[in-house]
Amino acid sequence: MAPEHKFATAAKLCGEVLGGVADGLLPLHQCEEVLGDALRCLASKDIKVPFRDPCGNRFLLMTRNMSDALL
């Protein structure tokens, strides 16, 4: 999948599923499986875009490594 498609997919999942739950449009007890699927998709390595910092910014690399460790 191209990086722009990964971003679009992640944005759509966040906007429609996570946003719907947060706004109360999707009742949590009725959409548990959909929410779980969306979170699994967002956490998967397949949806992540490879990161290369051309400037060698250590802070960005460090925060990326920390976020990977959390997932």
C-alpha atoms as a PDB file:
ATOM      1  CA  MET A   1       0.000   0.000   0.000  1.00  0.00           C
ATOM      2  CA  ALA A   2       1.334   3.445  -0.886  1.00  0.00           C
ATOM      3  CA  PRO A   3       2.098   5.821   2.012  1.00  0.00           C
ATOM      4  CA  GLU A   4      -0.712   8.193   1.007  1.00  0.00           C
ATOM      5  CA  HIS A   5      -3.187   5.295   1.123  1.00  0.00           C
ATOM      6  CA  LYS A   6      -1.940   4.314   4.576  1.00  0.00           C
ATOM      7  CA  PHE A   7      -2.457   7.872   5.821  1.00  0.00           C
ATOM      8  CA  ALA A   8      -5.923   8.037   4.239  1.00  0.00           C
ATOM      9  CA  THR A   9      -6.932   4.693   5.767  1.00  0.00           C
ATOM     10  CA  ALA A  10      -5.679   5.690   9.217  1.00  0.00           C
ATOM     11  CA  ALA A  11      -7.448   9.055   8.971  1.00  0.00           C
ATOM     12  CA  LYS A  12     -10.709   7.398   7.954  1.00  0.00           C
ATOM     13  CA  LEU A  13     -10.516   4.892  10.828  1.00  0.00           C
ATOM     14  CA  CYS A  14      -9.772   7.666  13.308  1.00  0.00           C
ATOM     15  CA  GLY A  15     -12.453   9.981  11.985  1.00  0.00           C
ATOM     16  CA  GLU A  16     -15.281   7.527  11.539  1.00  0.00           C
ATOM     17  CA  VAL A  17     -14.721   4.866  14.187  1.00  0.00           C
ATOM     18  CA  LEU A  18     -12.735   6.526  16.971  1.00  0.00           C
ATOM     19  CA  GLY A  19     -14.465   9.855  16.396  1.00  0.00           C
ATOM     20  CA  GLY A  20     -17.866   8.175  16.380  1.00  0.00           C
ATOM     21  CA  VAL A  21     -17.199   6.467  19.693  1.00  0.00           C
ATOM     22  CA  ALA A  22     -15.755   9.615  21.251  1.00  0.00           C
ATOM     23  CA  ASP A  23     -18.714  11.724  20.102  1.00  0.00           C
ATOM     24  CA  GLY A  24     -21.237   9.164  21.321  1.00  0.00           C
ATOM     25  CA  LEU A  25     -22.570   8.433  17.828  1.00  0.00           C
ATOM     26  CA  LEU A  26     -21.440   4.804  18.114  1.00  0.00           C
ATOM     27  CA  PRO A  27     -22.479   3.340  21.466  1.00  0.00           C
ATOM     28  CA  LEU A  28     -19.468   1.532  22.921  1.00  0.00           C
ATOM     29  CA  HIS A  29     -21.402  -1.577  23.971  1.00  0.00           C
ATOM     30  CA  GLN A  30     -22.703  -1.989  20.404  1.00  0.00           C
ATOM     31  CA  CYS A  31     -19.462  -1.421  18.516  1.00  0.00           C
ATOM     32  CA  GLU A  32     -16.850  -3.133  20.684  1.00  0.00           C
ATOM     33  CA  GLU A  33     -15.705  -5.429  17.872  1.00  0.00           C
ATOM     34  CA  VAL A  34     -15.514  -2.636  15.297  1.00  0.00           C
ATOM     35  CA  LEU A  35     -13.551  -0.474  17.713  1.00  0.00           C
ATOM     36  CA  GLY A  36     -11.198  -3.352  18.511  1.00  0.00           C
ATOM     37  CA  ASP A  37     -10.645  -4.043  14.800  1.00  0.00           C
ATOM     38  CA  ALA A  38      -9.942  -0.363  14.126  1.00  0.00           C
ATOM     39  CA  LEU A  39      -7.424  -0.171  16.977  1.00  0.00           C
ATOM     40  CA  ARG A  40      -5.705  -3.378  15.795  1.00  0.00           C
ATOM     41  CA  CYS A  41      -5.441  -1.946  12.279  1.00  0.00           C
ATOM     42  CA  LEU A  42      -4.000   1.322  13.552  1.00  0.00           C
ATOM     43  CA  ALA A  43      -1.465  -0.547  15.695  1.00  0.00           C
ATOM     44  CA  SER A  44      -0.338  -2.930  12.969  1.00  0.00           C
ATOM     45  CA  LYS A  45       3.033  -2.542  11.308  1.00  0.00           C
ATOM     46  CA  ASP A  46       1.364  -2.757   7.889  1.00  0.00           C
ATOM     47  CA  ILE A  47      -0.403   0.610   8.299  1.00  0.00           C
ATOM     48  CA  LYS A  48       2.702   2.455   9.515  1.00  0.00           C
ATOM     49  CA  VAL A  49       4.671   4.539   7.035  1.00  0.00           C
ATOM     50  CA  PRO A  50       8.449   4.033   7.075  1.00  0.00           C
ATOM     51  CA  PHE A  51      10.157   7.001   8.678  1.00  0.00           C
ATOM     52  CA  ARG A  52      13.416   8.541   7.526  1.00  0.00           C
ATOM     53  CA  ASP A  53      14.657  11.782   9.005  1.00  0.00           C
ATOM     54  CA  PRO A  54      16.946  13.437   6.433  1.00  0.00           C
ATOM     55  CA  CYS A  55      18.137  15.993   9.009  1.00  0.00           C
ATOM     56  CA  GLY A  56      19.137  13.395  11.587  1.00  0.00           C
ATOM     57  CA  ASN A  57      16.901  14.858  14.276  1.00  0.00           C
ATOM     58  CA  ARG A  58      17.571  12.669  17.320  1.00  0.00           C
ATOM     59  CA  PHE A  59      14.449  13.833  19.143  1.00  0.00           C
ATOM     60  CA  LEU A  60      12.165  12.632  16.362  1.00  0.00           C
ATOM     61  CA  LEU A  61      13.956   9.294  16.184  1.00  0.00           C
ATOM     62  CA  MET A  62      13.770   8.898  19.954  1.00  0.00           C
ATOM     63  CA  THR A  63      10.038   9.661  20.085  1.00  0.00           C
ATOM     64  CA  ARG A  64       9.439   7.215  17.232  1.00  0.00           C
ATOM     65  CA  ASN A  65      11.288   4.474  19.105  1.00  0.00           C
ATOM     66  CA  MET A  66       9.329   5.240  22.268  1.00  0.00           C
ATOM     67  CA  SER A  67       5.997   5.100  20.441  1.00  0.00           C
ATOM     68  CA  ASP A  68       6.972   1.770  18.830  1.00  0.00           C
ATOM     69  CA  ALA A  69       7.816   0.394  22.267  1.00  0.00           C
ATOM     70  CA  LEU A  70       4.387   1.393  23.578  1.00  0.00           C
ATOM     71  CA  LEU A  71       2.606  -0.484  20.788  1.00  0.00           C
END
